[in-house]
Protein backbone atom coordinates (compact mmCIF):
# COMPACT_ATOMS: atom_id res chain seq x y z
CA MET A 1 40.43 -32.98 -14.54
CA LYS A 2 37.89 -33.79 -17.21
CA SER A 3 34.64 -31.95 -17.06
CA LYS A 4 31.70 -33.96 -16.49
CA PHE A 5 29.38 -32.20 -18.95
CA ARG A 6 29.75 -29.74 -21.83
CA LEU A 7 27.92 -26.34 -21.85
CA PHE A 8 27.39 -24.59 -25.32
CA LYS A 9 25.12 -22.63 -27.00
CA ARG A 10 23.22 -23.49 -30.16
CA PRO A 11 23.05 -21.15 -33.15
CA GLY A 12 20.26 -18.73 -32.93
CA ARG A 13 19.32 -19.78 -29.46
CA ASP A 14 19.76 -17.66 -26.20
CA ALA A 15 19.91 -20.53 -23.31
CA TYR A 16 22.57 -22.64 -22.81
CA TYR A 17 22.57 -26.45 -23.39
CA PHE A 18 24.86 -29.19 -22.04
CA GLU A 19 25.34 -32.55 -22.98
CA PHE A 20 27.45 -35.87 -21.53
CA THR A 21 27.66 -39.34 -21.67
CA PHE A 22 26.83 -41.75 -18.59
CA ARG A 23 27.35 -45.76 -18.31
CA GLY A 24 27.02 -45.72 -22.44
CA SER A 25 24.05 -43.26 -22.62
CA ARG A 26 23.92 -39.93 -24.04
CA TYR A 27 22.13 -36.91 -22.01
CA LEU A 28 21.24 -33.48 -24.07
CA ARG A 29 19.76 -31.19 -22.00
CA CYS A 30 18.80 -27.54 -22.00
CA THR A 31 19.52 -25.30 -18.80
CA GLU A 32 16.51 -22.77 -19.98
CA CYS A 33 18.97 -19.94 -18.77
CA THR A 34 20.88 -17.33 -20.69
CA ASP A 35 23.27 -16.82 -17.99
CA ALA A 36 26.37 -18.68 -17.90
CA ALA A 37 27.13 -18.74 -14.42
CA GLU A 38 24.07 -19.79 -13.37
CA ALA A 39 23.64 -22.04 -16.43
CA GLN A 40 26.73 -23.97 -15.01
CA LYS A 41 24.51 -24.35 -11.54
CA ILE A 42 21.33 -26.11 -13.06
CA ALA A 43 23.59 -28.21 -15.70
CA LYS A 44 25.40 -29.31 -12.55
CA ALA A 45 21.99 -30.08 -10.39
CA LYS A 46 20.32 -31.58 -13.67
CA TYR A 47 23.83 -34.02 -13.90
CA ALA A 48 23.40 -35.08 -10.34
CA ALA A 49 19.81 -36.14 -10.32
CA ILE A 50 20.23 -37.91 -14.12
CA THR A 51 23.16 -39.91 -12.71
CA LYS A 52 21.27 -40.54 -9.71
CA ALA A 53 18.10 -41.83 -11.52
CA VAL A 54 20.38 -44.23 -13.63
CA ILE A 55 22.17 -45.74 -10.80
CA THR A 56 18.97 -46.79 -8.83
CA GLY A 57 16.63 -47.28 -11.95
CA GLU A 58 14.38 -44.48 -11.32
CA THR A 59 13.86 -43.98 -15.04
CA ALA A 60 10.66 -42.00 -14.22
CA ALA A 61 12.72 -39.40 -12.56
CA LEU A 62 14.35 -38.64 -15.85
CA ASP A 63 11.58 -37.18 -17.26
CA PRO A 64 11.47 -33.37 -15.45
CA THR A 65 15.21 -33.34 -16.48
CA LYS A 66 14.10 -33.45 -20.45
CA LEU A 67 14.68 -30.89 -22.96
CA ARG A 68 11.57 -28.46 -22.70
CA GLN A 69 11.26 -25.37 -25.20
CA ALA A 70 12.33 -22.31 -24.02
CA VAL A 71 9.57 -19.46 -23.59
CA ALA A 72 9.85 -17.01 -25.82
CA GLY A 73 8.21 -14.56 -24.08
CA THR A 74 9.34 -11.04 -23.63
CA ILE A 75 8.84 -8.49 -20.66
CA ALA A 76 5.98 -6.68 -22.18
CA ASP A 77 4.17 -10.01 -22.38
CA LEU A 78 4.84 -10.65 -19.00
CA ILE A 79 3.71 -7.06 -18.06
CA ALA A 80 0.23 -7.18 -20.03
CA ALA A 81 -0.32 -10.42 -18.21
CA TYR A 82 0.11 -8.89 -14.76
CA LYS A 83 -1.92 -6.02 -15.56
CA ASP A 84 -5.03 -8.29 -15.35
CA SER A 85 -3.68 -10.89 -12.94
CA PRO A 86 -5.26 -12.01 -9.57
CA SER A 87 -2.78 -9.76 -7.89
CA ASP A 88 -4.17 -7.59 -4.68
CA ALA A 89 -2.25 -4.35 -6.41
CA ASN A 90 -4.60 -1.62 -7.97
CA THR A 91 -4.19 -0.09 -11.31
CA LYS A 92 -1.71 2.49 -10.40
CA THR A 93 0.26 0.20 -8.09
CA ARG A 94 0.51 -2.57 -10.67
CA LYS A 95 1.62 0.20 -13.76
CA ARG A 96 4.30 1.49 -11.13
CA ASN A 97 5.85 -2.10 -10.09
CA ALA A 98 5.86 -3.02 -14.10
CA ASN A 99 8.09 0.24 -14.83
CA GLU A 100 10.35 -0.86 -12.01
CA LEU A 101 10.86 -4.24 -13.55
CA LYS A 102 11.67 -2.79 -16.65
CA ARG A 103 15.04 -1.14 -14.87
CA PHE A 104 16.15 -5.00 -14.81
CA VAL A 105 15.12 -5.95 -18.43
CA PRO A 106 13.74 -3.42 -21.08
CA GLU A 107 9.84 -4.16 -22.78
CA THR A 108 11.82 -5.94 -25.37
CA GLY A 109 13.87 -8.45 -23.89
CA SER A 110 13.00 -11.96 -23.03
CA ILE A 111 11.75 -13.22 -19.78
CA SER A 112 14.79 -15.79 -19.67
CA GLN A 113 16.61 -12.80 -19.28
CA LEU A 114 15.60 -12.08 -15.50
CA THR A 115 18.23 -14.29 -14.05
CA ALA A 116 20.01 -13.94 -10.80
CA THR A 117 22.86 -12.19 -12.35
CA VAL A 118 21.24 -9.31 -13.57
CA VAL A 119 19.49 -8.81 -9.80
CA ARG A 120 22.69 -9.26 -8.37
CA THR A 121 24.43 -6.92 -10.69
CA PHE A 122 21.62 -4.32 -10.01
CA PHE A 123 22.34 -4.19 -6.18
CA ALA A 124 26.21 -4.70 -6.72
CA ASP A 125 25.84 -1.18 -8.84
CA ALA A 126 23.43 0.33 -6.14
CA ASN A 127 26.45 -0.51 -3.41
CA LYS A 128 28.93 1.02 -5.86
CA ASP A 129 27.09 3.95 -5.93
CA ALA A 130 26.26 4.52 -2.46
CA MET A 131 29.71 4.09 -1.62
CA ALA A 132 30.78 7.02 -3.82
CA GLN A 133 28.41 8.98 -2.01
CA ALA A 134 29.32 12.50 0.33
CA ASP A 135 28.02 10.60 3.61
CA GLN A 136 26.04 8.19 5.22
CA ILE A 137 22.84 9.69 4.91
CA ALA A 138 23.16 10.00 1.12
CA ALA A 139 24.55 6.43 1.06
CA ALA A 140 21.47 4.77 2.96
CA SER A 141 19.01 6.85 0.80
CA THR A 142 20.84 5.41 -2.21
CA ARG A 143 20.49 2.07 -1.02
CA ARG A 144 17.19 2.65 0.51
CA THR A 145 15.59 2.99 -2.86
CA ALA A 146 17.14 0.07 -4.61
CA ASN A 147 15.56 -2.05 -1.82
CA SER A 148 12.31 -0.05 -3.00
CA ILE A 149 12.84 -0.74 -6.48
CA TRP A 150 13.08 -4.22 -5.65
CA ARG A 151 10.07 -4.58 -3.47
CA LYS A 152 7.73 -3.47 -6.16
CA THR A 153 9.55 -5.64 -8.92
CA LYS A 154 9.23 -8.64 -6.62
CA SER A 155 5.50 -7.98 -5.92
CA MET A 156 4.75 -9.10 -9.73
CA PHE A 157 5.92 -12.79 -8.86
CA THR A 158 3.62 -13.66 -6.16
CA PRO A 159 2.32 -17.09 -5.80
CA LYS A 160 -1.11 -16.04 -7.37
CA CYS A 161 0.70 -14.16 -10.09
CA VAL A 162 3.18 -17.19 -11.19
CA GLU A 163 0.30 -19.50 -11.07
CA HIS A 164 -1.21 -16.89 -13.70
CA TYR A 165 1.69 -16.49 -15.92
CA LYS A 166 1.79 -20.20 -16.41
CA ALA A 167 -1.35 -20.27 -17.59
CA ARG A 168 -0.43 -17.89 -20.27
CA ASN A 169 2.74 -20.17 -20.99
CA LEU A 170 4.36 -17.30 -19.86
CA TYR A 171 6.53 -18.96 -16.75
CA HIS A 172 10.33 -19.48 -17.16
CA PRO A 173 12.35 -21.41 -14.36
CA VAL A 174 14.64 -18.67 -14.16
CA LEU A 175 12.08 -16.51 -12.61
CA ASP A 176 12.25 -18.58 -9.17
CA GLU A 177 16.31 -17.83 -9.38
CA PHE A 178 15.70 -14.25 -9.78
CA VAL A 179 13.34 -13.90 -6.76
CA LYS A 180 15.73 -15.90 -4.72
CA ALA A 181 18.77 -14.19 -5.79
CA GLY A 182 16.93 -10.47 -5.27
CA ASP A 183 15.97 -11.53 -1.85
CA SER A 184 19.43 -12.37 -0.79
CA ALA A 185 21.27 -9.33 -2.21
CA LYS A 186 18.99 -6.72 -1.12
CA PHE A 187 20.49 -4.40 1.56
CA THR A 188 19.65 -5.15 5.30
CA GLY A 189 18.92 -3.25 7.94
CA ARG A 190 22.50 -2.85 8.86
CA THR A 191 23.41 -1.26 5.54
CA VAL A 192 20.03 0.91 5.31
CA PRO A 193 19.74 2.73 8.96
CA LYS A 194 15.86 3.64 9.58
CA ILE A 195 14.76 7.13 8.22
CA ALA A 196 15.71 9.25 11.02
CA TYR A 197 12.02 11.31 11.06
CA ASN A 198 12.37 14.70 12.44
CA PRO A 199 9.02 15.79 13.15
CA PRO A 200 8.13 19.14 13.93
CA SER A 201 8.24 20.91 16.85
CA ASP A 202 5.08 21.46 19.16
CA ASP A 203 4.98 25.05 18.66
CA ILE A 204 5.00 24.40 14.65
CA VAL A 205 2.56 21.76 15.08
CA GLN A 206 0.33 24.54 16.79
CA LYS A 207 0.80 27.11 14.54
CA THR A 208 0.18 24.74 11.56
CA LEU A 209 -3.24 23.86 13.46
CA THR A 210 -4.18 27.84 13.40
CA ALA A 211 -3.07 28.12 10.07
CA TRP A 212 -5.39 25.28 8.61
CA GLU A 213 -8.27 27.24 10.58
CA ALA A 214 -7.49 29.84 8.56
CA LEU A 215 -7.40 27.92 5.15
CA ALA A 216 -11.34 28.02 5.13
CA ASP A 217 -10.91 31.87 4.07
CA VAL A 218 -8.43 31.30 1.40
CA ASP A 219 -8.97 27.60 -0.50
CA ARG A 220 -11.59 25.33 -0.23
CA ASN A 221 -9.79 22.48 -1.34
CA LEU A 222 -6.67 22.79 0.67
CA TYR A 223 -8.50 23.27 3.99
CA LEU A 224 -10.62 19.96 3.23
CA ALA A 225 -7.77 18.05 2.42
CA ILE A 226 -5.83 18.50 5.19
CA GLY A 227 -8.95 18.56 7.48
CA HIS A 228 -9.39 14.85 5.84
CA GLU A 229 -5.84 13.98 6.88
CA LEU A 230 -6.49 15.43 10.53
CA ALA A 231 -9.86 14.20 10.79
CA PHE A 232 -9.92 10.79 9.42
CA GLY A 233 -6.07 9.90 8.87
CA LEU A 234 -6.64 9.72 5.25
CA ARG A 235 -3.54 8.66 2.61
CA ALA A 236 -3.03 11.45 -0.23
CA GLY A 237 -4.46 8.78 -2.65
CA GLU A 238 -7.67 8.22 -0.87
CA ILE A 239 -8.53 11.53 -0.27
CA CYS A 240 -9.14 12.35 -4.11
CA GLN A 241 -11.69 9.68 -4.27
CA VAL A 242 -13.92 10.83 -1.30
CA THR A 243 -17.32 11.83 -2.09
CA TRP A 244 -19.88 14.11 0.22
CA GLY A 245 -21.69 10.41 0.74
CA TRP A 246 -19.04 8.88 2.24
CA HIS A 247 -19.91 10.98 5.37
CA GLN A 248 -21.95 8.42 7.47
CA ASN A 249 -23.29 8.05 11.13
CA ARG A 250 -22.94 4.56 13.00
CA ASN A 251 -23.61 3.76 16.23
CA GLY A 252 -23.47 7.14 17.46
CA PHE A 253 -20.11 8.08 15.63
CA ASN A 254 -19.34 10.05 12.97
CA VAL A 255 -17.39 8.32 10.30
CA LEU A 256 -16.01 8.20 6.82
CA GLU A 257 -17.08 4.77 5.02
CA SER A 258 -17.05 3.60 1.17
CA ARG A 259 -15.77 0.79 -1.34
CA ALA A 260 -12.41 2.54 -2.12
CA ALA A 261 -8.93 1.60 -4.03
CA VAL A 262 -6.86 1.71 -0.88
CA LYS A 263 -3.20 0.85 -0.40
CA SER A 264 -3.27 -2.89 -1.44
CA GLY A 265 -6.04 -2.80 -3.63
CA THR A 266 -9.56 -2.39 -3.73
CA GLY A 267 -11.46 -2.66 -0.33
CA TRP A 268 -13.86 -1.09 2.24
CA LEU A 269 -12.77 1.91 3.86
CA GLN A 270 -14.26 2.68 7.33
CA VAL A 271 -12.75 4.77 9.79
CA LYS A 272 -13.88 6.92 12.83
CA ALA A 273 -13.68 10.90 12.91
CA LEU A 274 -11.40 12.52 15.36
CA ASP A 275 -11.92 15.55 17.09
CA PRO A 276 -11.47 18.62 17.25
CA PHE A 277 -10.34 18.57 13.64
CA PHE A 278 -13.76 16.57 12.42
CA THR A 279 -16.12 19.18 14.38
CA GLN A 280 -14.15 21.97 12.96
CA MET A 281 -14.24 20.92 9.55
CA ASN A 282 -17.89 20.08 9.83
CA THR A 283 -18.54 23.41 11.06
CA GLN A 284 -17.14 25.37 8.14
CA ILE A 285 -18.75 23.05 5.67
CA ASN A 286 -22.14 23.57 6.88
CA LEU A 287 -21.79 27.60 7.33
CA ARG A 288 -20.07 27.66 3.85
CA GLY A 289 -22.34 25.52 2.00
CA TRP A 290 -19.71 23.23 0.80
CA ARG A 291 -21.48 20.18 1.12
CA GLY A 292 -22.50 18.67 -2.39
CA GLU A 293 -24.35 15.93 -3.59
CA PRO A 294 -23.51 12.44 -2.20
CA TYR A 295 -21.96 11.46 -5.48
CA GLU A 296 -19.84 14.83 -5.93
CA PHE A 297 -16.01 14.58 -4.94
CA ILE A 298 -15.21 16.71 -2.01
CA ILE A 299 -12.20 18.24 -3.49
CA THR A 300 -13.26 20.42 -6.80
CA GLY A 301 -11.37 20.09 -9.98
CA ASN A 302 -10.44 17.82 -12.52
CA GLN A 303 -8.42 14.10 -11.89
CA PRO A 304 -4.60 15.62 -12.48
CA TYR A 305 -5.31 18.24 -9.71
CA ARG A 306 -7.24 15.94 -7.21
CA THR A 307 -4.61 13.06 -7.69
CA GLN A 308 -1.50 15.35 -7.71
CA GLY A 309 -1.65 19.09 -7.98
CA LEU A 310 -3.56 19.43 -4.65
CA PHE A 311 -1.20 17.40 -2.81
CA ARG A 312 2.03 19.62 -4.09
CA ALA A 313 0.24 22.35 -2.68
CA VAL A 314 -0.33 20.51 0.54
CA THR A 315 3.43 19.75 1.09
CA ALA A 316 4.43 23.37 -0.45
CA TRP A 317 2.42 24.96 2.21
CA LEU A 318 3.81 22.70 5.14
CA ARG A 319 7.01 23.37 4.12
CA LYS A 320 6.69 26.66 4.57
CA LEU A 321 5.26 26.50 8.02
CA GLY A 322 8.63 24.47 8.85
CA TRP A 323 8.13 20.81 8.34
CA GLU A 324 11.00 18.84 7.45
CA THR A 325 9.53 15.37 7.49
CA GLN A 326 10.22 12.95 4.45
CA LYS A 327 6.36 12.88 3.56
CA THR A 328 4.80 16.04 4.58
CA ASN A 329 1.09 14.55 3.73
CA HIS A 330 1.69 11.30 5.42
CA ALA A 331 3.02 13.25 8.56
CA LEU A 332 -0.25 14.90 8.93
CA ARG A 333 -1.74 11.49 9.18
CA ALA A 334 1.20 9.87 11.28
CA TYR A 335 0.25 13.06 13.71
CA SER A 336 -3.17 12.26 14.36
CA GLY A 337 -2.51 8.39 14.85
CA GLY A 338 -0.05 9.50 17.46
CA GLN A 339 -2.69 11.46 19.05
CA VAL A 340 -5.00 8.57 18.94
CA ALA A 341 -2.17 6.34 20.08
CA MET A 342 -1.35 8.33 23.43
CA LYS A 343 -5.34 8.89 24.08
CA TYR A 344 -6.88 5.73 23.53
CA GLY A 345 -3.73 3.15 22.99
CA ILE A 346 -1.98 1.44 20.20
CA TYR A 347 -4.71 -1.06 18.89
CA ASP A 348 -6.82 2.03 18.32
CA ALA A 349 -4.33 3.99 16.39
CA GLN A 350 -3.69 0.78 14.19
CA GLN A 351 -7.57 0.82 13.58
CA PHE A 352 -7.64 4.24 13.08
CA LEU A 353 -4.30 4.36 10.36
CA ARG A 354 -5.41 1.07 8.82
CA HIS A 355 -2.51 -0.73 9.30
CA SER A 356 -2.05 -4.67 8.84
CA SER A 357 -0.55 -5.06 12.41
CA VAL A 358 0.52 -3.05 15.20
CA LYS A 359 4.09 -3.41 14.44
CA VAL A 360 3.62 -1.62 11.47
CA THR A 361 1.95 1.48 13.66
CA GLU A 362 4.83 0.92 16.13
CA GLN A 363 7.64 0.85 13.69
CA SER A 364 6.65 3.74 11.21
CA TYR A 365 4.20 5.74 13.06
CA ALA A 366 5.75 6.30 16.46
CA TYR A 367 7.65 9.61 15.71
CA PHE A 368 5.06 11.69 16.85
CA ILE A 369 4.40 9.85 19.93
CA ASN A 370 5.86 11.88 23.07
CA LYS A 371 7.75 9.53 25.23
CA PHE A 372 6.26 11.25 28.41
CA LYS A 373 2.71 10.80 27.31
CA ALA A 374 0.14 13.87 28.78
CA ASN A 375 -2.34 12.61 31.07
CA PRO A 376 -5.06 11.05 28.69
CA ASP A 377 -8.05 12.77 30.15
CA GLU A 378 -6.50 15.99 29.53
CA MET A 379 -6.15 15.53 25.61
CA PRO A 380 -7.84 17.79 23.29
CA VAL A 381 -8.60 14.68 21.19
CA LYS A 382 -11.16 12.54 21.15
CA TRP A 383 -13.73 10.65 18.68
CA ALA A 384 -16.56 12.86 17.29
CA VAL A 385 -19.61 11.32 18.24
CA LEU A 386 -23.65 12.47 17.24
CA PRO A 387 -25.12 14.85 19.72
CA LYS A 388 -27.88 13.32 21.94
CA VAL A 389 -31.22 14.21 20.81
CA ALA A 390 -33.06 15.44 23.97
CA PHE A 391 -36.87 14.26 23.95
CA PRO A 392 -39.39 16.96 25.14
CA ALA A 393 -40.53 16.11 28.85
CA MET A 394 -44.03 14.28 29.19
CA ASP A 395 -46.77 16.57 30.28
CA ALA A 396 -48.32 15.73 33.65
CA THR A 397 -51.48 17.18 32.71
CA LEU A 398 -51.96 15.45 29.78
CA ASP A 399 -54.71 12.43 29.67
CA VAL A 400 -52.81 9.40 28.30
CA THR A 401 -56.03 7.30 28.04
CA THR A 402 -56.90 9.39 24.88
CA PRO A 403 -53.75 10.25 23.13
CA ALA A 404 -54.30 11.88 19.95
CA GLY A 405 -51.43 10.68 17.19
CA ARG A 406 -49.05 7.82 16.65
CA GLY A 407 -47.75 5.76 19.29
CA GLY A 408 -49.69 7.35 22.19
CA LEU A 409 -46.83 9.67 23.05
CA GLY A 410 -48.68 12.55 24.17
CA LEU A 411 -48.64 14.57 21.05
CA PRO A 412 -51.41 17.32 20.02
CA LYS A 413 -54.53 15.74 18.97
CA ALA A 414 -55.23 16.00 14.79
CA GLU A 415 -57.90 17.57 14.11
CA GLY A 416 -61.28 15.70 12.94
CA VAL A 417 -59.47 12.11 14.83
CA PRO A 418 -61.79 10.83 17.02
CA ALA A 419 -60.31 10.13 20.48
CA ILE A 420 -59.58 6.45 21.62
CA THR A 421 -61.12 5.66 24.88
CA ARG A 422 -59.80 2.58 27.19
CA ASN A 423 -61.83 -0.28 28.28
C-alpha cells in the first residue's frame, strides 16, 4: 500500500520533514523531531489535522501545522536558563537536577534530542542492568536509582520552567513527549518494592543516646549536630545553616526559627524543640560556654566540613553503634519524629518533620513507630517549654497606698522619691 506521506531529512538539518499531496495541493511540514519513530507519529497527527482542515474548509487550522524554524539551543543553554528560572528548587538542587539531565543528552547536544525514545531507552537499559543483578534487592535498587534520576530530571520541566524556556526561545515540542514518555516508562511499585528499613533495636537506640551524652566531652560539633537532629528533627542540609540566633522562645516554647534553604527551596523554618534532647543539649551549651553571637554558626569550621565532612562523621559514628538504616542522618530525624507521633499523634509528627502531608510521614517515617505503642503519659519525650517565673509574694505589711517605684507593685521606695498619697 502506498504511503500517505514521505518522511525524510534535509541536508544539514537534524529534524525530520514530511510531505504529501492532497486534493491537488502539496504540503511540506517539519516534525521538529530527530527521532524517526517519534517523527512518524508526529507526521501522522499533522497529516490528519491538515486533511481534516481541508475537507471541512477550516483553513485557519492549517497555521499551527506550518513549517517552523527548529530550536537550535543546546542542553547547556537549557541548563543555563534553568539556573535562573522560577523553579522552587534551591541552588544545590538545581545543580543536581541539571547533572541528571546530562545522563540523557550531553551538554553539547541539542534540545531537540530530548525525545521519547531517549528516555524509553534509558529505562530499558536500566531494566536490563536490573535483570542481570544477583538478587531482587540489588535489582530493585538499580530500578529505584533510575526512577530517582528521572524524578530529578523531570523537575526541570515544571509548567513554570517550561514557560521560562519559551520566553528564552528554548522550548521545543519534543519536550512534552519526553516528559510524557518518561512518566510512562518509569518503574512502578510492583517492580520497585518499598525499601525495607531496618531500624535499630531498642538496646542500640539507648546505647546511642548514652553515647551521644558522652560526645560533649569528645567532639563539640558532632554532639551539636546529633543534638539538633534529635531535638528539632533537622535535615543535614539544614543543620549546617543554623546560627545561634535561630534559637528562639515562642508562646512558652523553645523553638528553632529562621528563614532557611530547606528541601523545597528558600522558606521559613519553624519547629518546636523536643525534650529530653533539647534540655540535655542546652545544659551542655551553657556549662561549656559554647553559645556564640546570634550570627555565628553553631557548627564551627569551613563550609566543606559543615556541609559534608561532619555528616560523614555522624554516619561513621552511628555505624559503629550498630545502625544499619540506609540514611543514618535522616534516621535520627525519623526516630524523633516517631517519638512525637507516639506521644502526640501523626499530625504533630508531620509538623515536627515539616512534611507536605501526613501521607509522607506515614509512608516514609513510620518505621520507628512501635506497633504496640507505649502509654503516651509514660513516654519521656515532650515539648521543651520555658520554665515558669515565680513572682515573690506580696508583703501584707506594706502600705500599698504609698507605693514607691514603678507600677505600684510594692517594691522598696527609691531614695529621694517622695511618697504618693491617695485622696
